[in-house]
Every structure is written in C-alpha cells, then in structure tokens.
Protein backbone atom coordinates (compact mmCIF):
# COMPACT_ATOMS: atom_id res chain seq x y z
CA MET A 1 -16.81 17.53 26.59
CA ARG A 2 -18.29 14.84 24.66
CA TYR A 3 -17.94 11.43 24.87
CA HIS A 4 -19.46 8.53 22.66
CA ARG A 5 -19.15 4.80 22.13
CA TRP A 6 -17.81 4.74 19.36
CA LEU A 7 -19.56 2.35 16.39
CA LEU A 8 -17.29 0.03 14.49
CA GLY A 9 -17.81 -0.25 10.87
CA VAL A 10 -15.70 -2.79 9.75
CA ALA A 11 -15.66 -3.11 6.34
CA LEU A 12 -15.19 -6.74 4.83
CA LEU A 13 -14.29 -8.12 1.77
CA THR A 14 -15.55 -10.96 -0.18
CA ALA A 15 -16.07 -12.12 -2.99
CA CYS A 16 -19.94 -10.18 -3.56
CA GLY A 17 -18.57 -6.59 -2.10
CA PRO A 18 -17.76 -5.05 1.36
CA ARG A 19 -19.62 -6.71 3.82
CA VAL A 20 -19.77 -3.86 7.30
CA GLU A 21 -20.30 -5.85 10.63
CA ALA A 22 -19.79 -4.07 13.71
CA THR A 23 -17.39 -4.17 16.70
CA VAL A 24 -17.14 -0.82 19.83
CA ILE A 25 -15.05 1.15 20.58
CA GLU A 26 -14.89 2.01 24.07
CA ALA A 27 -15.81 5.25 25.80
CA MET A 28 -13.14 8.12 25.41
CA PRO A 29 -13.59 11.41 24.61
CA ASP A 30 -13.96 13.05 20.67
CA GLY A 31 -10.51 14.34 21.12
CA ASP A 32 -9.45 11.23 22.35
CA VAL A 33 -10.03 8.91 19.82
CA VAL A 34 -8.60 11.70 17.11
CA ALA A 35 -5.62 11.69 19.23
CA GLU A 36 -5.32 8.56 19.20
CA GLY A 37 -5.71 8.20 15.55
CA GLN A 38 -3.14 10.21 14.68
CA LYS A 39 -0.42 8.36 16.23
CA LEU A 40 -1.60 4.91 14.28
CA TYR A 41 -1.56 7.17 11.61
CA GLU A 42 2.18 9.39 12.10
CA LYS A 43 3.23 5.13 13.18
CA TYR A 44 1.82 3.77 10.02
CA CYS A 45 0.70 5.89 7.37
CA LYS A 46 3.31 9.50 7.67
CA LEU A 47 6.69 7.35 5.91
CA CYS A 48 3.95 7.40 2.03
CA HIS A 49 1.28 9.59 2.80
CA ALA A 50 3.53 13.08 4.14
CA GLU A 51 2.65 14.57 8.10
CA ALA A 52 -1.04 14.60 7.89
CA GLY A 53 -2.20 13.35 4.90
CA ARG A 54 -0.10 15.77 2.36
CA GLY A 55 0.81 12.93 -0.09
CA TYR A 56 3.69 12.12 -2.64
CA ALA A 57 6.29 11.67 0.48
CA SER A 58 6.88 8.73 -1.09
CA ASP A 59 6.13 6.16 -4.32
CA ASN A 60 3.00 9.14 -5.49
CA ALA A 61 1.30 7.99 -2.15
CA ASN A 62 -2.14 10.03 -2.95
CA GLN A 63 -2.47 12.79 -1.18
CA LEU A 64 -5.07 11.44 1.98
CA ALA A 65 -6.61 14.51 3.07
CA ASN A 66 -7.07 16.12 -0.27
CA PRO A 67 -11.44 17.49 0.56
CA GLU A 68 -12.26 16.49 -2.77
CA PHE A 69 -11.21 12.77 -1.92
CA LEU A 70 -12.79 12.58 1.95
CA SER A 71 -15.63 14.41 1.09
CA THR A 72 -16.51 11.82 -1.70
CA ALA A 73 -14.58 8.99 0.49
CA SER A 74 -17.39 6.79 2.49
CA ASP A 75 -15.84 5.22 5.94
CA ALA A 76 -16.33 1.83 4.46
CA PHE A 77 -13.76 2.58 1.13
CA LEU A 78 -11.31 3.83 4.05
CA MET A 79 -11.76 0.86 6.34
CA LEU A 80 -11.52 -1.58 3.15
CA ALA A 81 -8.02 0.00 2.05
CA VAL A 82 -6.20 0.45 5.67
CA ASP A 83 -7.54 -3.31 6.47
CA GLN A 84 -6.59 -5.07 2.83
CA GLY A 85 -4.56 -2.61 0.85
CA HIS A 86 -4.83 -2.82 -2.73
CA PRO A 87 -3.08 -5.94 -3.53
CA GLY A 88 -0.07 -5.56 -6.61
CA THR A 89 0.43 -1.66 -5.53
CA PRO A 90 2.54 -0.55 -2.33
CA MET A 91 -0.73 -0.01 -0.05
CA GLY A 92 0.19 -3.22 2.47
CA ALA A 93 -2.92 -4.82 4.03
CA TYR A 94 -2.77 -3.65 7.79
CA GLY A 95 -5.21 -5.53 9.02
CA GLU A 96 -3.64 -8.51 11.71
CA SER A 97 -6.62 -10.54 10.05
CA PHE A 98 -4.44 -10.28 7.51
CA GLY A 99 -0.75 -10.61 8.82
CA GLY A 100 -0.74 -6.20 9.55
CA PRO A 101 -0.66 -4.93 12.98
CA LEU A 102 -3.76 -2.90 13.34
CA SER A 103 -6.91 -4.43 14.84
CA HIS A 104 -10.54 -3.75 13.25
CA VAL A 105 -10.53 -0.95 16.99
CA ASP A 106 -7.18 0.65 15.61
CA GLU A 107 -8.84 1.05 11.55
CA ARG A 108 -11.61 2.61 13.08
CA LYS A 109 -9.36 5.65 15.14
CA LEU A 110 -7.11 5.84 11.90
CA VAL A 111 -10.71 6.06 9.72
CA LEU A 112 -11.66 8.20 11.80
CA TYR A 113 -8.66 10.68 12.23
CA LEU A 114 -8.49 10.98 8.43
CA ARG A 115 -11.88 11.84 8.63
CA SER A 116 -11.08 14.75 11.31
CA LEU A 117 -8.46 16.53 8.15
CA GLN A 118 -12.28 16.80 6.07
CA THR A 119 -12.43 20.15 4.83
CA LYS A 120 -15.52 20.05 2.77
CA PRO A 121 -19.12 18.98 3.30
CA THR A 122 -19.70 15.09 1.94
CA ALA A 123 -20.06 15.71 -1.52
CA LYS A 124 -24.19 14.38 -3.01
CA LEU A 125 -22.69 11.27 -5.65
CA VAL A 126 -24.53 10.12 -8.18
CA THR A 127 -26.17 7.41 -7.57
CA GLY A 128 -26.38 4.37 -10.13
CA ALA A 129 -24.83 2.51 -12.23
CA ALA A 130 -22.22 4.46 -15.17
CA GLN A 131 -24.18 3.89 -18.93
CA GLY A 132 -21.87 4.45 -21.02
CA ASP A 133 -20.05 2.80 -23.85
CA VAL A 134 -17.00 1.03 -23.07
CA ALA A 135 -15.00 1.16 -25.59
CA ARG A 136 -15.48 4.82 -26.30
CA GLY A 137 -14.74 5.19 -22.25
CA ALA A 138 -10.90 3.32 -23.06
CA THR A 139 -10.19 5.24 -25.54
CA ILE A 140 -10.49 8.35 -24.11
CA PHE A 141 -8.69 7.26 -20.58
CA GLN A 142 -5.81 6.10 -23.49
CA GLU A 143 -5.82 9.69 -24.20
CA GLN A 144 -6.26 11.43 -21.08
CA CYS A 145 -5.60 9.58 -18.43
CA SER A 146 -2.70 6.51 -19.21
CA SER A 147 0.02 8.88 -18.95
CA CYS A 148 -0.30 8.71 -15.58
CA HIS A 149 -2.36 6.44 -14.54
CA GLY A 150 -1.20 3.36 -16.24
CA ASP A 151 -1.98 2.51 -19.77
CA LYS A 152 -3.49 -0.34 -18.26
CA ALA A 153 -5.26 2.11 -15.23
CA GLN A 154 -2.44 0.41 -13.58
CA GLY A 155 -0.96 3.25 -11.83
CA ALA A 156 1.51 5.17 -12.83
CA SER A 157 2.14 8.87 -11.53
CA ALA A 158 -0.93 8.82 -10.17
CA VAL A 159 -3.12 4.99 -8.51
CA SER A 160 -3.92 2.04 -9.44
CA LEU A 161 -7.67 2.94 -11.02
CA ASN A 162 -7.50 -1.17 -11.79
CA ASN A 163 -6.69 -2.51 -8.47
CA PRO A 164 -10.31 -5.09 -7.46
CA VAL A 165 -10.24 -3.85 -3.78
CA PHE A 166 -9.77 0.09 -5.24
CA LEU A 167 -13.36 -1.01 -7.71
CA LEU A 168 -14.44 -2.32 -4.95
CA SER A 169 -14.97 0.30 -2.42
CA ALA A 170 -15.89 2.71 -5.47
CA SER A 171 -18.78 3.22 -6.50
CA ASP A 172 -19.54 5.16 -10.04
CA GLY A 173 -20.42 8.06 -8.58
CA TYR A 174 -17.00 8.30 -6.91
CA LEU A 175 -15.38 7.49 -9.64
CA ARG A 176 -17.73 10.43 -11.98
CA TYR A 177 -16.69 13.00 -9.37
CA ALA A 178 -13.10 12.47 -9.02
CA ILE A 179 -13.11 12.58 -13.23
CA GLU A 180 -15.33 15.35 -13.37
CA HIS A 181 -13.69 17.35 -9.92
CA GLY A 182 -10.59 15.96 -10.02
CA ARG A 183 -8.34 16.79 -7.06
CA THR A 184 -7.49 19.82 -6.14
CA GLY A 185 -3.57 21.03 -5.40
CA THR A 186 -2.61 17.91 -7.03
CA PRO A 187 -2.03 17.03 -10.63
CA MET A 188 -5.23 15.36 -11.10
CA PRO A 189 -7.47 18.39 -13.05
CA ALA A 190 -10.86 18.57 -13.68
CA PHE A 191 -12.82 16.73 -16.38
CA GLN A 192 -16.34 19.25 -16.11
CA GLY A 193 -15.47 21.29 -18.80
CA GLU A 194 -13.72 19.44 -21.49
CA PHE A 195 -16.09 16.74 -21.26
CA VAL A 196 -19.25 16.47 -22.38
CA PRO A 197 -21.22 13.98 -19.62
CA GLN A 198 -21.94 11.45 -22.04
CA THR A 199 -17.92 10.82 -21.95
CA ILE A 200 -17.63 11.14 -17.92
CA GLU A 201 -20.59 8.36 -18.42
CA ASP A 202 -17.79 6.77 -21.10
CA VAL A 203 -14.65 6.59 -18.71
CA THR A 204 -16.55 5.74 -16.34
CA SER A 205 -17.82 2.81 -17.77
CA PHE A 206 -14.35 1.99 -18.66
CA LEU A 207 -12.96 1.91 -15.51
CA ARG A 208 -15.65 -0.23 -13.94
CA SER A 209 -15.33 -2.85 -16.71
CA LEU A 210 -12.04 -3.10 -15.16
CA ALA A 211 -13.44 -4.83 -11.69
CA ARG A 212 -13.03 -8.09 -11.08
CA ASN A 213 -14.56 -10.67 -8.53
CA VAL A 214 -11.74 -11.58 -5.61
CA GLU A 215 -11.35 -13.40 -3.51
CA SER A 216 -9.15 -12.66 0.07
CA ALA A 217 -8.61 -15.07 3.31
CA PRO A 218 -6.37 -14.07 6.01
CA ARG A 219 -2.92 -15.10 6.00
CA GLY A 220 -2.55 -18.39 7.90
CA GLU A 221 1.60 -18.89 7.54
CA VAL A 222 3.39 -17.64 11.11
CA PRO A 223 6.73 -15.56 9.97
CA PRO A 224 9.56 -17.28 10.56
CA SER A 225 12.43 -16.30 13.44
CA PHE A 226 15.85 -14.86 13.04
CA GLU A 227 17.77 -17.75 14.52
CA ASN A 228 18.70 -18.62 10.17
CA ALA A 229 18.35 -14.73 9.03
CA VAL A 230 21.19 -15.71 7.46
CA ILE A 231 20.81 -16.53 3.47
CA HIS A 232 24.44 -19.02 2.70
CA PRO A 233 25.41 -19.38 6.05
CA SER A 234 28.66 -21.20 4.80
CA GLY A 235 28.66 -19.24 1.85
CA PRO A 236 30.93 -16.62 0.65
CA ASP A 237 31.06 -12.52 0.82
CA PRO A 238 29.73 -11.26 -2.31
CA ASN A 239 32.07 -8.64 -2.06
CA PHE A 240 29.66 -6.13 -4.29
CA PRO A 241 30.14 -2.74 -5.55
CA ALA A 242 30.39 0.57 -4.11
CA LEU A 243 27.14 1.27 -3.81
CA ARG A 244 24.72 4.36 -5.82
CA GLU A 245 24.44 6.82 -3.28
CA GLY A 246 26.13 5.10 -0.08
CA ARG A 247 22.84 3.23 -0.14
CA PHE A 248 21.81 1.59 -2.88
CA LEU A 249 22.43 -2.24 -4.65
CA PRO A 250 20.71 -3.14 -8.11
CA ALA A 251 18.47 -5.89 -8.16
CA ALA A 252 20.58 -7.84 -10.86
CA VAL A 253 23.21 -7.65 -8.91
CA VAL A 254 21.57 -9.25 -5.94
CA LYS A 255 19.97 -11.81 -7.45
CA GLU A 256 23.09 -12.53 -8.89
CA ALA A 257 24.75 -13.18 -5.80
CA LEU A 258 22.05 -15.42 -4.42
CA GLU A 259 22.65 -17.93 -7.85
CA LYS A 260 26.32 -18.01 -6.88
CA GLY A 261 25.97 -18.34 -2.97
CA ALA A 262 26.97 -15.71 -1.38
CA LYS A 263 26.42 -15.07 2.33
CA MET A 264 24.02 -12.39 2.70
CA VAL A 265 20.52 -10.87 5.36
CA LEU A 266 17.61 -9.91 2.84
CA LEU A 267 15.37 -8.55 5.21
CA ASP A 268 11.38 -7.31 4.03
CA ALA A 269 10.57 -4.00 5.08
CA ARG A 270 6.64 -4.21 3.92
CA PRO A 271 3.63 -5.10 6.43
CA THR A 272 4.19 -8.44 7.56
CA SER A 273 0.80 -9.83 4.89
CA GLU A 274 2.81 -7.84 1.85
CA TRP A 275 5.72 -11.06 2.95
CA LEU A 276 3.10 -13.15 3.57
CA ASN A 277 1.93 -13.22 -0.16
CA SER A 278 5.23 -13.11 -1.68
CA HIS A 279 8.97 -13.03 -1.30
CA ILE A 280 12.14 -13.15 -1.92
CA PRO A 281 13.02 -16.15 -1.13
CA GLY A 282 14.66 -16.36 2.36
CA ALA A 283 14.13 -13.03 3.21
CA LEU A 284 12.73 -12.34 6.38
CA PRO A 285 9.47 -9.91 7.78
CA VAL A 286 11.09 -6.53 9.42
CA PRO A 287 8.27 -4.59 8.87
CA TYR A 288 9.11 -0.61 8.38
CA TYR A 289 7.24 0.22 11.13
CA ASP A 290 8.61 -1.61 13.91
CA PRO A 291 12.51 -2.28 13.41
CA ASP A 292 14.23 -2.04 16.43
CA ARG A 293 12.77 -5.45 17.04
CA MET A 294 15.87 -7.19 15.29
CA THR A 295 18.89 -5.28 16.10
CA ALA A 296 19.99 -7.37 18.85
CA LYS A 297 19.23 -10.73 17.23
CA LEU A 298 21.46 -9.55 13.30
CA PRO A 299 24.75 -11.01 12.91
CA ARG A 300 27.56 -8.40 14.03
CA ASP A 301 30.01 -10.55 11.89
CA GLY A 302 29.99 -8.22 8.89
CA THR A 303 27.68 -9.88 6.81
CA TRP A 304 25.28 -7.48 4.04
CA ILE A 305 22.17 -7.46 5.20
CA LEU A 306 19.68 -5.35 2.58
CA ALA A 307 16.45 -4.71 2.97
CA TYR A 308 13.77 -3.85 -0.31
CA CYS A 309 10.14 -2.65 -0.41
CA GLY A 310 7.72 -2.29 -2.59
CA CYS A 311 7.92 2.20 -2.60
CA PRO A 312 11.19 0.96 -4.45
CA HIS A 313 12.79 2.54 -1.37
CA ALA A 314 10.65 4.81 1.73
CA ALA A 315 10.08 1.74 3.60
CA SER A 316 13.22 -0.43 2.53
CA GLY A 317 15.33 2.47 3.69
CA HIS A 318 13.89 3.52 6.50
CA VAL A 319 14.88 0.40 8.28
CA VAL A 320 18.39 0.61 6.47
CA ASP A 321 18.68 3.70 8.39
CA THR A 322 17.89 2.14 11.45
CA LEU A 323 20.61 -1.05 11.06
CA ARG A 324 23.26 2.23 10.77
CA GLY A 325 21.61 3.69 13.51
CA GLN A 326 22.29 1.10 15.38
CA GLY A 327 26.18 0.03 14.34
CA PHE A 328 25.34 -2.10 11.11
CA PRO A 329 27.63 -0.90 8.38
CA ARG A 330 27.48 -3.50 5.60
CA THR A 331 23.83 -2.24 4.55
CA ALA A 332 22.11 -1.68 1.50
CA VAL A 333 18.46 -1.51 -0.23
CA ILE A 334 17.61 -3.13 -3.48
CA ASP A 335 17.57 0.06 -5.68
CA GLU A 336 14.03 -0.47 -7.41
CA GLY A 337 12.05 -2.91 -5.14
CA VAL A 338 10.13 -5.72 -5.72
CA PHE A 339 7.84 -5.33 -7.53
CA GLU A 340 10.64 -4.45 -10.17
CA TRP A 341 11.85 -8.14 -8.97
CA VAL A 342 8.97 -10.36 -9.56
CA ARG A 343 8.40 -7.85 -13.28
CA ARG A 344 12.19 -9.55 -14.12
CA GLY A 345 10.89 -12.95 -13.66
CA TYR A 346 13.20 -12.62 -10.27
CA PRO A 347 13.07 -15.86 -8.13
CA ILE A 348 9.75 -15.44 -5.85
CA THR A 349 8.48 -16.91 -3.02
CA TYR A 350 4.02 -16.63 -2.98
CA GLY A 351 1.79 -17.39 -0.04
CA ARG A 352 -1.16 -19.80 0.12
CA ALA A 353 -3.07 -16.92 -0.21
CA GLN A 354 -1.75 -15.36 -3.44
CA PRO A 355 -2.36 -11.39 -3.31
CA LEU A 356 -4.75 -10.29 -5.93
CA GLY A 357 -4.04 -10.80 -8.93
CA ALA A 358 -1.05 -12.31 -8.22
CA PRO A 359 0.65 -14.94 -11.11
CA PRO A 360 -0.85 -18.51 -9.81
C-alpha cells in the first residue's frame, strides 16, 4: 500500500489573485485520504451536489464529477471554492477562518476525493488572455447564454459566471474550454462547431470583463448562544396560515409577523460563514450539517421555529426534518429563501465583513 505525506496547496483569496500556501497532511495511505475526503463530501456537499458529485440535488448545484469540469479545474480552483465559497450564491464559505467547519487539511482531503472522481486526463488549456471584443461577446452572451446563466451572468438554472471568486480562480483557458466543449450530461452544450474561434474569444473576453478586484477577510464575530433564541418572547403567537405542502411559509407572511412582534425562533441553516456575512435579524446560525446540537436548547413550548437558507429549501428543509424528528411539530421553511428576502428589501443584518458584491 502506498503512503504519502501529502503537500497541501492552500488557495487564499487576495485582491491580486489566489495565493498558494503550503502545509502538510500527516502520512497515511492514499486510499485513507480519499476515504476521509469522501466522508467530508457526504457531510457537507452531498445535500446539494448529490452522491459522488452527480450534481443537481438542489438549486441546480453543478455536477462536480463532470469529466470536462474536473479535467480543467485546478486544485487551487477547487480549494478556493471550498474555502471561500461563491458569495451571493448558495455556495457558502466552508473554510474555518471564514466561520466554516473545515480546516485547510480537511479542504485538501475533500479536493483529493473530488480528484478521485476524475475520468478524463487533465486537459491542456490554451494559455494567455483572451483576445476578443467585449461588446460583441456581451451580445452573443445575451443571445446564447443568458437564458441559463442569467442576463448579467449572475446564474439562473446554470451557475453564476460573474462571481468574483469564480473569475479570480478561473483562467481564460478554463473559460474557453467550457465554451468549446460544454459539459457532458448537462444542459451546457459544446459551441466548438457553432462558434468560430473569434466568437469564443469574444465571449471569453466578455466574461473576463466582469471580474473585479475584491477583498475578503476572515469573520471575527462569535455566533450567539441559544439562550436568547426566541424573538419577541413576550409577543403573541403568529397564527400562521396553513403551510404549503405542510412545510413552507411565504417570506411576506414571516416579515409581517415579525413586524407585529410575534413570538418565534429563526434558524439560519447555511454555513456559519454565511450567517456571519448577513442574516435575518434575530436568526441563529444552525448549519444543516450540524443540526442535532440545537435540539436540547430550543423551546418546547409550542413556539414556532422557522428555518431558511439560500437554496432555497434544501438546507432549511434538512434542519426542519431534523427538528420534526426530534419532536418539534411547529416548524416551517421560509419558502423563498434568504436571497429573495434580500431582493425584496426586507430587514437584514450585515456582518463586519460584507459578502462580496453585497450592498453596503
């Protein structure tokens, strides 16, 4: 059996680009490293990205085991996505320095597991900056890509392409290859036969034009205890209407109840890093991957307990199912999720470290 003392390349986001720092995973068999990475994947990633990286378990989370993706995504690209997430999307930061649960060693084990799913040889990407016309590329993007990726490349049924962390770690060669070869087994087609090479350069240049310098710093806040979990503890019962499908409450109904001073508990089911960035006022961080720790401390007097996430239902639904399994019947999911809550201008609390691209 082969043993390795694994060198860890840690991708850290800086205003000038990702920086790689080195640390070490203790010597262990190759298979053990991958197996540990798989356990981490199943705990933290499977909910959205599905078993073995098949994707689309929730919120159109991309197919991590896709052969074109893994053959072009560098380890630094994967590490940065895990460590710092894609702010403004359901993909949160899982690095412990950002309030997440994973050490850099854990992140590397997770990346090694993802790398074990790779079935195609690493692609040789074209190097150098794209030499295209941004305006022409923007026009082609609107015509060919916006229906899936959003009119501003913010993501719709397909992934966000204007995300600053994504564009900081994705080379022009990576973007070119994705446009040319698509993603097998997904709605993303290969445009190699449809676009002439200059058109591919134009679209790549347009996507690159969306990049911006960003700063990101670890979150310093300490999440509160459960002692003050109840919002408006002396307030009236919210008297909510019947839940849609027995589990969903509209965001507007929740906002109105909060404005009337109704008694309730709000749980943020996203990674704690996302709660540290922004959350509904009064909400407590209860990540979907660690819900059991809360059940002994939440009120069992019939107080309504509502969960929300960004998916908008997967993580919050998992928390609600856990609560119901532990004997909390008056539970519900905020139907539209936190991104729609923010879009509507409902009250939100921002942390000291703003999510990238978030309002001040």
